[in-house]
Amino acid sequence: MKAFKKQVKEAAAITDKEFTRIAQLYSGTVFRTAMCYVKNSSDADDIMQEAFLKLYTYSGAFESDSHIKAWLIRITTNLCKNFLRYRRLRIWEPLENARELEAPQTEENSLLPLIMKLSGNNRIVLYMHYYEGYSVKEISALLKLTETAVTSQLYRGRKQLERLMEKEDFYG
């Protein structure tokens, strides 16, 4: 175990202080991105930890904080996709009395809980556009989609969100 820790430490390109700063700055973004995919706070937390472990052991260099943020989101989406792919291969037994943990509390009038109810890519694209402030071009690069696909998903996501808001009487 000590050898592994030493090996991990030697491979790290960033200092512990810098890593702590980055983790504090982007842990919310990484967690919410993972939640958009896996819809489970325990799994999202595990994925967040794995993403930050990859950052800690990454030996490359970053140009800026926005480059680190984009890298973390790309790593997180890949980890989520892998998680969802391999989860399908396992046999799951439903627990009758288990309750899903709720997402972290958000502002009272926030649309985030409703966005979390949307389907796959529509949910991810809306979250990245409205909550993380990415442009269509940036989202297409991060998710490896065409700009047209991102624009279509934004449109479909907005329509789906609008129907959900009406259904759940969001406006009171």
N, C-alpha and C. Protein backbone atom coordinates (compact mmCIF):
# COMPACT_ATOMS: atom_id res chain seq x y z
N MET A 1 0.83 -1.20 0.00
CA MET A 1 0.00 0.00 0.00
C MET A 1 0.87 1.26 0.00
N LYS A 2 1.95 1.24 0.80
CA LYS A 2 2.84 2.40 0.84
C LYS A 2 3.49 2.64 -0.51
N ALA A 3 3.85 1.55 -1.18
CA ALA A 3 4.47 1.67 -2.50
C ALA A 3 3.50 2.32 -3.49
N PHE A 4 2.22 1.93 -3.41
CA PHE A 4 1.21 2.52 -4.30
C PHE A 4 1.07 4.01 -4.03
N LYS A 5 0.99 4.39 -2.76
CA LYS A 5 0.86 5.81 -2.42
C LYS A 5 2.07 6.60 -2.91
N LYS A 6 3.27 6.01 -2.76
CA LYS A 6 4.48 6.68 -3.21
C LYS A 6 4.46 6.81 -4.73
N GLN A 7 4.03 5.75 -5.43
CA GLN A 7 3.95 5.77 -6.88
C GLN A 7 2.95 6.83 -7.35
N VAL A 8 1.79 6.89 -6.69
CA VAL A 8 0.77 7.88 -7.03
C VAL A 8 1.33 9.28 -6.80
N LYS A 9 2.00 9.49 -5.68
CA LYS A 9 2.54 10.80 -5.35
C LYS A 9 3.59 11.24 -6.36
N GLU A 10 4.47 10.30 -6.80
CA GLU A 10 5.51 10.64 -7.75
C GLU A 10 4.94 11.02 -9.11
N ALA A 11 3.82 10.39 -9.49
CA ALA A 11 3.22 10.65 -10.79
C ALA A 11 2.45 11.97 -10.82
N ALA A 12 2.11 12.50 -9.65
CA ALA A 12 1.28 13.71 -9.58
C ALA A 12 2.03 14.92 -10.14
N ALA A 13 1.34 15.65 -11.02
CA ALA A 13 1.95 16.83 -11.62
C ALA A 13 1.56 18.09 -10.85
N ILE A 14 0.60 17.99 -9.95
CA ILE A 14 0.17 19.16 -9.19
C ILE A 14 0.48 18.94 -7.71
N THR A 15 0.63 20.02 -7.00
CA THR A 15 0.93 19.93 -5.57
C THR A 15 -0.34 19.61 -4.80
N ASP A 16 -0.16 19.18 -3.56
CA ASP A 16 -1.31 18.89 -2.70
C ASP A 16 -2.15 20.14 -2.49
N LYS A 17 -1.50 21.27 -2.31
CA LYS A 17 -2.21 22.53 -2.09
C LYS A 17 -3.04 22.90 -3.32
N GLU A 18 -2.45 22.75 -4.51
CA GLU A 18 -3.15 23.06 -5.76
C GLU A 18 -4.31 22.07 -5.97
N PHE A 19 -4.07 20.81 -5.67
CA PHE A 19 -5.11 19.80 -5.81
C PHE A 19 -6.30 20.13 -4.90
N THR A 20 -6.03 20.52 -3.66
CA THR A 20 -7.09 20.89 -2.71
C THR A 20 -7.89 22.08 -3.24
N ARG A 21 -7.20 23.06 -3.78
CA ARG A 21 -7.88 24.23 -4.34
C ARG A 21 -8.79 23.83 -5.50
N ILE A 22 -8.29 23.01 -6.39
CA ILE A 22 -9.07 22.57 -7.55
C ILE A 22 -10.26 21.73 -7.10
N ALA A 23 -10.04 20.84 -6.14
CA ALA A 23 -11.12 19.98 -5.64
C ALA A 23 -12.23 20.82 -5.01
N GLN A 24 -11.85 21.83 -4.24
CA GLN A 24 -12.86 22.70 -3.63
C GLN A 24 -13.60 23.50 -4.68
N LEU A 25 -12.89 23.92 -5.70
CA LEU A 25 -13.47 24.76 -6.75
C LEU A 25 -14.43 23.98 -7.65
N TYR A 26 -14.09 22.75 -8.00
CA TYR A 26 -14.86 22.02 -9.01
C TYR A 26 -15.58 20.78 -8.51
N SER A 27 -15.55 20.48 -7.22
CA SER A 27 -16.23 19.28 -6.74
C SER A 27 -17.74 19.33 -6.99
N GLY A 28 -18.34 20.49 -6.83
CA GLY A 28 -19.78 20.63 -7.10
C GLY A 28 -20.11 20.37 -8.55
N THR A 29 -19.32 20.93 -9.44
CA THR A 29 -19.53 20.74 -10.87
C THR A 29 -19.40 19.27 -11.25
N VAL A 30 -18.36 18.63 -10.76
CA VAL A 30 -18.14 17.21 -11.08
C VAL A 30 -19.26 16.36 -10.51
N PHE A 31 -19.67 16.63 -9.27
CA PHE A 31 -20.75 15.85 -8.65
C PHE A 31 -22.06 16.01 -9.42
N ARG A 32 -22.41 17.25 -9.75
CA ARG A 32 -23.67 17.49 -10.47
C ARG A 32 -23.64 16.89 -11.87
N THR A 33 -22.49 16.93 -12.52
CA THR A 33 -22.37 16.30 -13.84
C THR A 33 -22.59 14.79 -13.72
N ALA A 34 -21.99 14.19 -12.72
CA ALA A 34 -22.19 12.74 -12.51
C ALA A 34 -23.65 12.44 -12.16
N MET A 35 -24.27 13.30 -11.35
CA MET A 35 -25.68 13.10 -10.99
C MET A 35 -26.58 13.14 -12.22
N CYS A 36 -26.25 14.00 -13.17
CA CYS A 36 -27.04 14.07 -14.40
C CYS A 36 -27.04 12.74 -15.13
N TYR A 37 -25.95 12.03 -15.07
CA TYR A 37 -25.86 10.74 -15.74
C TYR A 37 -26.44 9.60 -14.92
N VAL A 38 -25.98 9.45 -13.68
CA VAL A 38 -26.30 8.24 -12.92
C VAL A 38 -27.52 8.38 -12.02
N LYS A 39 -27.96 9.60 -11.74
CA LYS A 39 -29.16 9.87 -10.94
C LYS A 39 -29.14 9.20 -9.56
N ASN A 40 -27.98 9.07 -8.98
CA ASN A 40 -27.85 8.44 -7.67
C ASN A 40 -26.65 9.10 -6.99
N SER A 41 -26.89 9.70 -5.82
CA SER A 41 -25.83 10.47 -5.18
C SER A 41 -24.66 9.61 -4.72
N SER A 42 -24.90 8.37 -4.33
CA SER A 42 -23.80 7.49 -3.91
C SER A 42 -22.89 7.17 -5.09
N ASP A 43 -23.50 6.81 -6.21
CA ASP A 43 -22.71 6.51 -7.40
C ASP A 43 -22.02 7.77 -7.92
N ALA A 44 -22.72 8.90 -7.89
CA ALA A 44 -22.12 10.16 -8.33
C ALA A 44 -20.93 10.53 -7.46
N ASP A 45 -21.03 10.28 -6.17
CA ASP A 45 -19.93 10.56 -5.26
C ASP A 45 -18.73 9.66 -5.58
N ASP A 46 -18.98 8.38 -5.85
CA ASP A 46 -17.89 7.47 -6.22
C ASP A 46 -17.21 7.91 -7.51
N ILE A 47 -18.02 8.31 -8.48
CA ILE A 47 -17.47 8.77 -9.76
C ILE A 47 -16.68 10.05 -9.56
N MET A 48 -17.18 10.95 -8.71
CA MET A 48 -16.46 12.20 -8.42
C MET A 48 -15.09 11.89 -7.82
N GLN A 49 -15.05 10.95 -6.87
CA GLN A 49 -13.78 10.59 -6.26
C GLN A 49 -12.81 9.99 -7.28
N GLU A 50 -13.34 9.17 -8.17
CA GLU A 50 -12.50 8.57 -9.20
C GLU A 50 -11.97 9.63 -10.17
N ALA A 51 -12.80 10.60 -10.51
CA ALA A 51 -12.36 11.68 -11.40
C ALA A 51 -11.24 12.49 -10.75
N PHE A 52 -11.38 12.79 -9.46
CA PHE A 52 -10.33 13.55 -8.79
C PHE A 52 -9.08 12.72 -8.57
N LEU A 53 -9.22 11.41 -8.42
CA LEU A 53 -8.04 10.55 -8.35
C LEU A 53 -7.29 10.58 -9.68
N LYS A 54 -8.02 10.57 -10.79
CA LYS A 54 -7.40 10.66 -12.11
C LYS A 54 -6.67 12.01 -12.25
N LEU A 55 -7.29 13.08 -11.73
CA LEU A 55 -6.63 14.38 -11.77
C LEU A 55 -5.35 14.35 -10.95
N TYR A 56 -5.41 13.76 -9.77
CA TYR A 56 -4.25 13.73 -8.87
C TYR A 56 -3.10 12.95 -9.49
N THR A 57 -3.41 11.91 -10.24
CA THR A 57 -2.36 11.09 -10.83
C THR A 57 -1.99 11.51 -12.25
N TYR A 58 -2.70 12.49 -12.81
CA TYR A 58 -2.44 12.96 -14.17
C TYR A 58 -1.09 13.65 -14.22
N SER A 59 -0.28 13.28 -15.19
CA SER A 59 1.07 13.85 -15.26
C SER A 59 1.20 14.97 -16.30
N GLY A 60 0.13 15.26 -17.01
CA GLY A 60 0.16 16.33 -18.01
C GLY A 60 0.04 17.70 -17.38
N ALA A 61 0.05 18.69 -18.23
CA ALA A 61 -0.05 20.07 -17.77
C ALA A 61 -1.37 20.67 -18.26
N PHE A 62 -1.84 21.66 -17.53
CA PHE A 62 -3.07 22.36 -17.89
C PHE A 62 -2.73 23.82 -18.18
N GLU A 63 -3.47 24.39 -19.13
CA GLU A 63 -3.22 25.77 -19.53
C GLU A 63 -3.85 26.76 -18.55
N SER A 64 -5.02 26.40 -18.00
CA SER A 64 -5.74 27.34 -17.12
C SER A 64 -6.76 26.56 -16.29
N ASP A 65 -7.43 27.28 -15.40
CA ASP A 65 -8.48 26.66 -14.60
C ASP A 65 -9.63 26.18 -15.47
N SER A 66 -9.94 26.92 -16.53
CA SER A 66 -11.04 26.48 -17.41
C SER A 66 -10.65 25.20 -18.16
N HIS A 67 -9.38 25.03 -18.44
CA HIS A 67 -8.90 23.79 -19.06
C HIS A 67 -9.05 22.62 -18.08
N ILE A 68 -8.73 22.86 -16.82
CA ILE A 68 -8.89 21.83 -15.79
C ILE A 68 -10.37 21.45 -15.65
N LYS A 69 -11.24 22.46 -15.63
CA LYS A 69 -12.68 22.21 -15.50
C LYS A 69 -13.19 21.38 -16.67
N ALA A 70 -12.81 21.75 -17.88
CA ALA A 70 -13.25 21.00 -19.07
C ALA A 70 -12.71 19.57 -19.02
N TRP A 71 -11.47 19.41 -18.59
CA TRP A 71 -10.86 18.08 -18.48
C TRP A 71 -11.62 17.24 -17.46
N LEU A 72 -11.94 17.83 -16.32
CA LEU A 72 -12.68 17.10 -15.28
C LEU A 72 -14.07 16.69 -15.77
N ILE A 73 -14.74 17.57 -16.49
CA ILE A 73 -16.08 17.23 -17.01
C ILE A 73 -15.97 16.11 -18.04
N ARG A 74 -14.96 16.15 -18.90
CA ARG A 74 -14.76 15.09 -19.90
C ARG A 74 -14.49 13.75 -19.21
N ILE A 75 -13.61 13.76 -18.21
CA ILE A 75 -13.29 12.54 -17.46
C ILE A 75 -14.54 12.02 -16.76
N THR A 76 -15.29 12.92 -16.14
CA THR A 76 -16.51 12.53 -15.42
C THR A 76 -17.53 11.91 -16.36
N THR A 77 -17.74 12.51 -17.52
CA THR A 77 -18.72 11.94 -18.46
C THR A 77 -18.26 10.57 -18.94
N ASN A 78 -16.97 10.40 -19.19
CA ASN A 78 -16.46 9.08 -19.59
C ASN A 78 -16.65 8.05 -18.48
N LEU A 79 -16.34 8.44 -17.24
CA LEU A 79 -16.52 7.52 -16.12
C LEU A 79 -17.99 7.14 -15.96
N CYS A 80 -18.89 8.11 -16.14
CA CYS A 80 -20.32 7.83 -16.02
C CYS A 80 -20.78 6.88 -17.12
N LYS A 81 -20.33 7.12 -18.33
CA LYS A 81 -20.71 6.23 -19.44
C LYS A 81 -20.21 4.81 -19.19
N ASN A 82 -18.98 4.69 -18.71
CA ASN A 82 -18.45 3.36 -18.38
C ASN A 82 -19.26 2.72 -17.26
N PHE A 83 -19.58 3.50 -16.25
CA PHE A 83 -20.37 2.98 -15.13
C PHE A 83 -21.71 2.46 -15.62
N LEU A 84 -22.40 3.25 -16.44
CA LEU A 84 -23.72 2.84 -16.94
C LEU A 84 -23.61 1.64 -17.87
N ARG A 85 -22.57 1.56 -18.66
CA ARG A 85 -22.37 0.44 -19.56
C ARG A 85 -22.16 -0.86 -18.77
N TYR A 86 -21.31 -0.81 -17.76
CA TYR A 86 -21.01 -2.02 -17.00
C TYR A 86 -22.10 -2.37 -16.00
N ARG A 87 -22.87 -1.37 -15.59
CA ARG A 87 -23.97 -1.65 -14.68
C ARG A 87 -25.01 -2.53 -15.36
N ARG A 88 -25.20 -2.35 -16.65
CA ARG A 88 -26.17 -3.16 -17.40
C ARG A 88 -25.77 -4.63 -17.43
N LEU A 89 -24.47 -4.90 -17.32
CA LEU A 89 -24.00 -6.27 -17.37
C LEU A 89 -24.20 -7.02 -16.06
N ARG A 90 -24.36 -6.30 -14.99
CA ARG A 90 -24.55 -6.93 -13.68
C ARG A 90 -26.02 -7.26 -13.45
N ILE A 91 -26.25 -8.23 -12.58
CA ILE A 91 -27.62 -8.58 -12.21
C ILE A 91 -27.98 -7.79 -10.97
N TRP A 92 -29.10 -7.08 -11.03
CA TRP A 92 -29.52 -6.24 -9.92
C TRP A 92 -30.81 -6.78 -9.33
N GLU A 93 -30.84 -6.87 -8.04
CA GLU A 93 -32.06 -7.25 -7.33
C GLU A 93 -32.63 -6.00 -6.68
N PRO A 94 -33.88 -5.66 -6.97
CA PRO A 94 -34.45 -4.46 -6.34
C PRO A 94 -34.69 -4.70 -4.85
N LEU A 95 -34.37 -3.71 -4.07
CA LEU A 95 -34.65 -3.75 -2.63
C LEU A 95 -35.99 -3.09 -2.41
N GLU A 96 -36.92 -3.84 -1.87
CA GLU A 96 -38.30 -3.36 -1.78
C GLU A 96 -38.47 -2.11 -0.94
N ASN A 97 -37.74 -2.02 0.13
CA ASN A 97 -37.96 -0.88 1.03
C ASN A 97 -36.86 0.18 0.93
N ALA A 98 -36.02 0.08 -0.08
CA ALA A 98 -34.93 1.05 -0.21
C ALA A 98 -35.44 2.33 -0.85
N ARG A 99 -34.96 3.45 -0.34
CA ARG A 99 -35.28 4.75 -0.92
C ARG A 99 -34.03 5.33 -1.55
N GLU A 100 -34.19 5.90 -2.71
CA GLU A 100 -33.08 6.55 -3.39
C GLU A 100 -32.72 7.83 -2.63
N LEU A 101 -31.44 8.06 -2.42
CA LEU A 101 -31.00 9.29 -1.79
C LEU A 101 -31.32 10.46 -2.70
N GLU A 102 -31.71 11.54 -2.13
CA GLU A 102 -32.07 12.72 -2.93
C GLU A 102 -30.83 13.51 -3.28
N ALA A 103 -30.93 14.25 -4.35
CA ALA A 103 -29.84 15.12 -4.78
C ALA A 103 -29.67 16.23 -3.74
N PRO A 104 -28.51 16.86 -3.71
CA PRO A 104 -28.29 17.96 -2.78
C PRO A 104 -29.36 19.05 -2.94
N GLN A 105 -29.63 19.72 -1.84
CA GLN A 105 -30.64 20.78 -1.85
C GLN A 105 -30.23 21.90 -2.79
N THR A 106 -31.20 22.45 -3.50
CA THR A 106 -30.95 23.54 -4.42
C THR A 106 -31.84 24.71 -4.04
N GLU A 107 -31.69 25.80 -4.76
CA GLU A 107 -32.53 26.95 -4.49
C GLU A 107 -33.99 26.57 -4.68
N GLU A 108 -34.87 27.27 -3.95
CA GLU A 108 -36.28 26.92 -3.92
C GLU A 108 -36.92 26.91 -5.30
N ASN A 109 -36.65 27.89 -6.14
CA ASN A 109 -37.27 27.97 -7.46
C ASN A 109 -36.38 27.43 -8.57
N SER A 110 -35.37 26.67 -8.21
CA SER A 110 -34.44 26.15 -9.19
C SER A 110 -35.10 25.08 -10.06
N LEU A 111 -34.69 25.06 -11.30
CA LEU A 111 -35.18 24.05 -12.24
C LEU A 111 -34.35 22.77 -12.18
N LEU A 112 -33.25 22.77 -11.43
CA LEU A 112 -32.36 21.62 -11.40
C LEU A 112 -33.07 20.31 -11.05
N PRO A 113 -33.95 20.28 -10.04
CA PRO A 113 -34.65 19.00 -9.77
C PRO A 113 -35.48 18.52 -10.95
N LEU A 114 -36.08 19.45 -11.69
CA LEU A 114 -36.85 19.06 -12.87
C LEU A 114 -35.92 18.63 -14.00
N ILE A 115 -34.81 19.32 -14.17
CA ILE A 115 -33.85 18.94 -15.20
C ILE A 115 -33.33 17.53 -14.94
N MET A 116 -33.15 17.19 -13.67
CA MET A 116 -32.66 15.86 -13.32
C MET A 116 -33.65 14.76 -13.72
N LYS A 117 -34.89 15.11 -13.95
CA LYS A 117 -35.91 14.13 -14.35
C LYS A 117 -35.95 13.91 -15.87
N LEU A 118 -35.24 14.73 -16.62
CA LEU A 118 -35.26 14.61 -18.07
C LEU A 118 -34.47 13.40 -18.53
N SER A 119 -34.64 13.04 -19.80
CA SER A 119 -33.94 11.89 -20.33
C SER A 119 -32.49 12.23 -20.67
N GLY A 120 -31.64 11.23 -20.62
CA GLY A 120 -30.21 11.23 -20.91
C GLY A 120 -29.53 12.47 -21.38
N ASN A 121 -29.26 12.54 -22.69
CA ASN A 121 -28.46 13.64 -23.23
C ASN A 121 -29.15 14.99 -23.11
N ASN A 122 -30.48 15.01 -23.15
CA ASN A 122 -31.19 16.29 -22.97
C ASN A 122 -30.86 16.87 -21.59
N ARG A 123 -30.83 16.02 -20.58
CA ARG A 123 -30.52 16.44 -19.22
C ARG A 123 -29.09 16.97 -19.14
N ILE A 124 -28.13 16.24 -19.70
CA ILE A 124 -26.72 16.63 -19.63
C ILE A 124 -26.50 17.96 -20.35
N VAL A 125 -27.04 18.08 -21.54
CA VAL A 125 -26.83 19.29 -22.35
C VAL A 125 -27.47 20.51 -21.68
N LEU A 126 -28.69 20.38 -21.18
CA LEU A 126 -29.33 21.51 -20.49
C LEU A 126 -28.53 21.92 -19.26
N TYR A 127 -28.08 20.93 -18.47
CA TYR A 127 -27.31 21.24 -17.28
C TYR A 127 -26.01 21.98 -17.64
N MET A 128 -25.29 21.45 -18.61
CA MET A 128 -24.00 22.06 -18.97
C MET A 128 -24.20 23.47 -19.54
N HIS A 129 -25.27 23.67 -20.29
CA HIS A 129 -25.52 24.98 -20.90
C HIS A 129 -25.97 26.02 -19.87
N TYR A 130 -26.95 25.66 -19.05
CA TYR A 130 -27.53 26.64 -18.14
C TYR A 130 -26.87 26.71 -16.77
N TYR A 131 -26.33 25.62 -16.27
CA TYR A 131 -25.74 25.64 -14.93
C TYR A 131 -24.23 25.78 -14.94
N GLU A 132 -23.58 25.31 -16.01
CA GLU A 132 -22.13 25.44 -16.08
C GLU A 132 -21.70 26.54 -17.05
N GLY A 133 -22.64 27.05 -17.86
CA GLY A 133 -22.36 28.18 -18.73
C GLY A 133 -21.59 27.86 -20.00
N TYR A 134 -21.60 26.61 -20.42
CA TYR A 134 -20.90 26.24 -21.65
C TYR A 134 -21.72 26.60 -22.87
N SER A 135 -21.04 26.98 -23.94
CA SER A 135 -21.70 27.28 -25.21
C SER A 135 -21.97 25.97 -25.95
N VAL A 136 -22.76 26.05 -27.00
CA VAL A 136 -23.06 24.87 -27.81
C VAL A 136 -21.77 24.27 -28.36
N LYS A 137 -20.88 25.12 -28.82
CA LYS A 137 -19.61 24.65 -29.38
C LYS A 137 -18.78 23.91 -28.33
N GLU A 138 -18.72 24.47 -27.12
CA GLU A 138 -17.94 23.84 -26.05
C GLU A 138 -18.56 22.51 -25.63
N ILE A 139 -19.89 22.47 -25.54
CA ILE A 139 -20.57 21.22 -25.17
C ILE A 139 -20.32 20.15 -26.22
N SER A 140 -20.37 20.54 -27.49
CA SER A 140 -20.14 19.56 -28.55
C SER A 140 -18.73 18.98 -28.46
N ALA A 141 -17.76 19.81 -28.11
CA ALA A 141 -16.38 19.32 -27.97
C ALA A 141 -16.25 18.41 -26.75
N LEU A 142 -16.87 18.80 -25.64
CA LEU A 142 -16.76 18.00 -24.41
C LEU A 142 -17.45 16.65 -24.54
N LEU A 143 -18.61 16.62 -25.17
CA LEU A 143 -19.39 15.38 -25.27
C LEU A 143 -19.15 14.63 -26.57
N LYS A 144 -18.28 15.18 -27.40
CA LYS A 144 -17.96 14.58 -28.70
C LYS A 144 -19.21 14.37 -29.55
N LEU A 145 -20.01 15.44 -29.64
CA LEU A 145 -21.22 15.46 -30.47
C LEU A 145 -21.08 16.59 -31.48
N THR A 146 -21.88 16.56 -32.51
CA THR A 146 -21.88 17.68 -33.44
C THR A 146 -22.63 18.85 -32.81
N GLU A 147 -22.35 20.04 -33.28
CA GLU A 147 -23.05 21.22 -32.76
C GLU A 147 -24.55 21.12 -33.07
N THR A 148 -24.88 20.54 -34.22
CA THR A 148 -26.29 20.36 -34.58
C THR A 148 -26.99 19.43 -33.59
N ALA A 149 -26.30 18.37 -33.20
CA ALA A 149 -26.88 17.43 -32.22
C ALA A 149 -27.11 18.12 -30.88
N VAL A 150 -26.14 18.93 -30.45
CA VAL A 150 -26.28 19.65 -29.18
C VAL A 150 -27.46 20.63 -29.26
N THR A 151 -27.55 21.36 -30.37
CA THR A 151 -28.65 22.31 -30.55
C THR A 151 -29.99 21.59 -30.53
N SER A 152 -30.08 20.45 -31.19
CA SER A 152 -31.32 19.66 -31.20
C SER A 152 -31.66 19.18 -29.80
N GLN A 153 -30.65 18.71 -29.06
CA GLN A 153 -30.90 18.23 -27.71
C GLN A 153 -31.32 19.36 -26.78
N LEU A 154 -30.75 20.54 -26.97
CA LEU A 154 -31.19 21.70 -26.19
C LEU A 154 -32.66 22.01 -26.48
N TYR A 155 -33.03 21.99 -27.75
CA TYR A 155 -34.41 22.25 -28.14
C TYR A 155 -35.35 21.21 -27.54
N ARG A 156 -35.01 19.93 -27.73
CA ARG A 156 -35.86 18.85 -27.20
C ARG A 156 -35.92 18.89 -25.67
N GLY A 157 -34.79 19.20 -25.05
CA GLY A 157 -34.74 19.28 -23.60
C GLY A 157 -35.61 20.40 -23.07
N ARG A 158 -35.59 21.55 -23.73
CA ARG A 158 -36.44 22.67 -23.31
C ARG A 158 -37.91 22.31 -23.43
N LYS A 159 -38.27 21.67 -24.54
CA LYS A 159 -39.67 21.25 -24.74
C LYS A 159 -40.08 20.22 -23.69
N GLN A 160 -39.20 19.27 -23.43
CA GLN A 160 -39.47 18.25 -22.42
C GLN A 160 -39.60 18.89 -21.04
N LEU A 161 -38.74 19.85 -20.74
CA LEU A 161 -38.79 20.56 -19.47
C LEU A 161 -40.07 21.37 -19.34
N GLU A 162 -40.47 22.00 -20.41
CA GLU A 162 -41.71 22.78 -20.41
C GLU A 162 -42.92 21.89 -20.10
N ARG A 163 -42.99 20.72 -20.73
CA ARG A 163 -44.09 19.78 -20.46
C ARG A 163 -44.05 19.29 -19.01
N LEU A 164 -42.86 19.04 -18.51
CA LEU A 164 -42.71 18.58 -17.13
C LEU A 164 -43.12 19.66 -16.14
N MET A 165 -42.78 20.92 -16.45
CA MET A 165 -43.16 22.03 -15.57
C MET A 165 -44.68 22.18 -15.51
N GLU A 166 -45.33 22.01 -16.65
CA GLU A 166 -46.80 22.07 -16.68
C GLU A 166 -47.41 20.90 -15.91
N LYS A 167 -46.85 19.73 -16.10
CA LYS A 167 -47.36 18.52 -15.45
C LYS A 167 -47.23 18.62 -13.92
N GLU A 168 -46.12 19.15 -13.46
CA GLU A 168 -45.88 19.24 -12.02
C GLU A 168 -46.32 20.58 -11.44
N ASP A 169 -47.03 21.38 -12.23
CA ASP A 169 -47.57 22.66 -11.79
C ASP A 169 -46.48 23.52 -11.14
N PHE A 170 -45.37 23.68 -11.87
CA PHE A 170 -44.22 24.41 -11.37
C PHE A 170 -44.52 25.87 -11.08
N TYR A 171 -45.42 26.44 -11.87
CA TYR A 171 -45.72 27.85 -11.72
C TYR A 171 -46.70 28.13 -10.59
N GLY A 172 -47.22 27.07 -9.98
CA GLY A 172 -48.11 27.24 -8.84
C GLY A 172 -49.47 27.55 -9.25
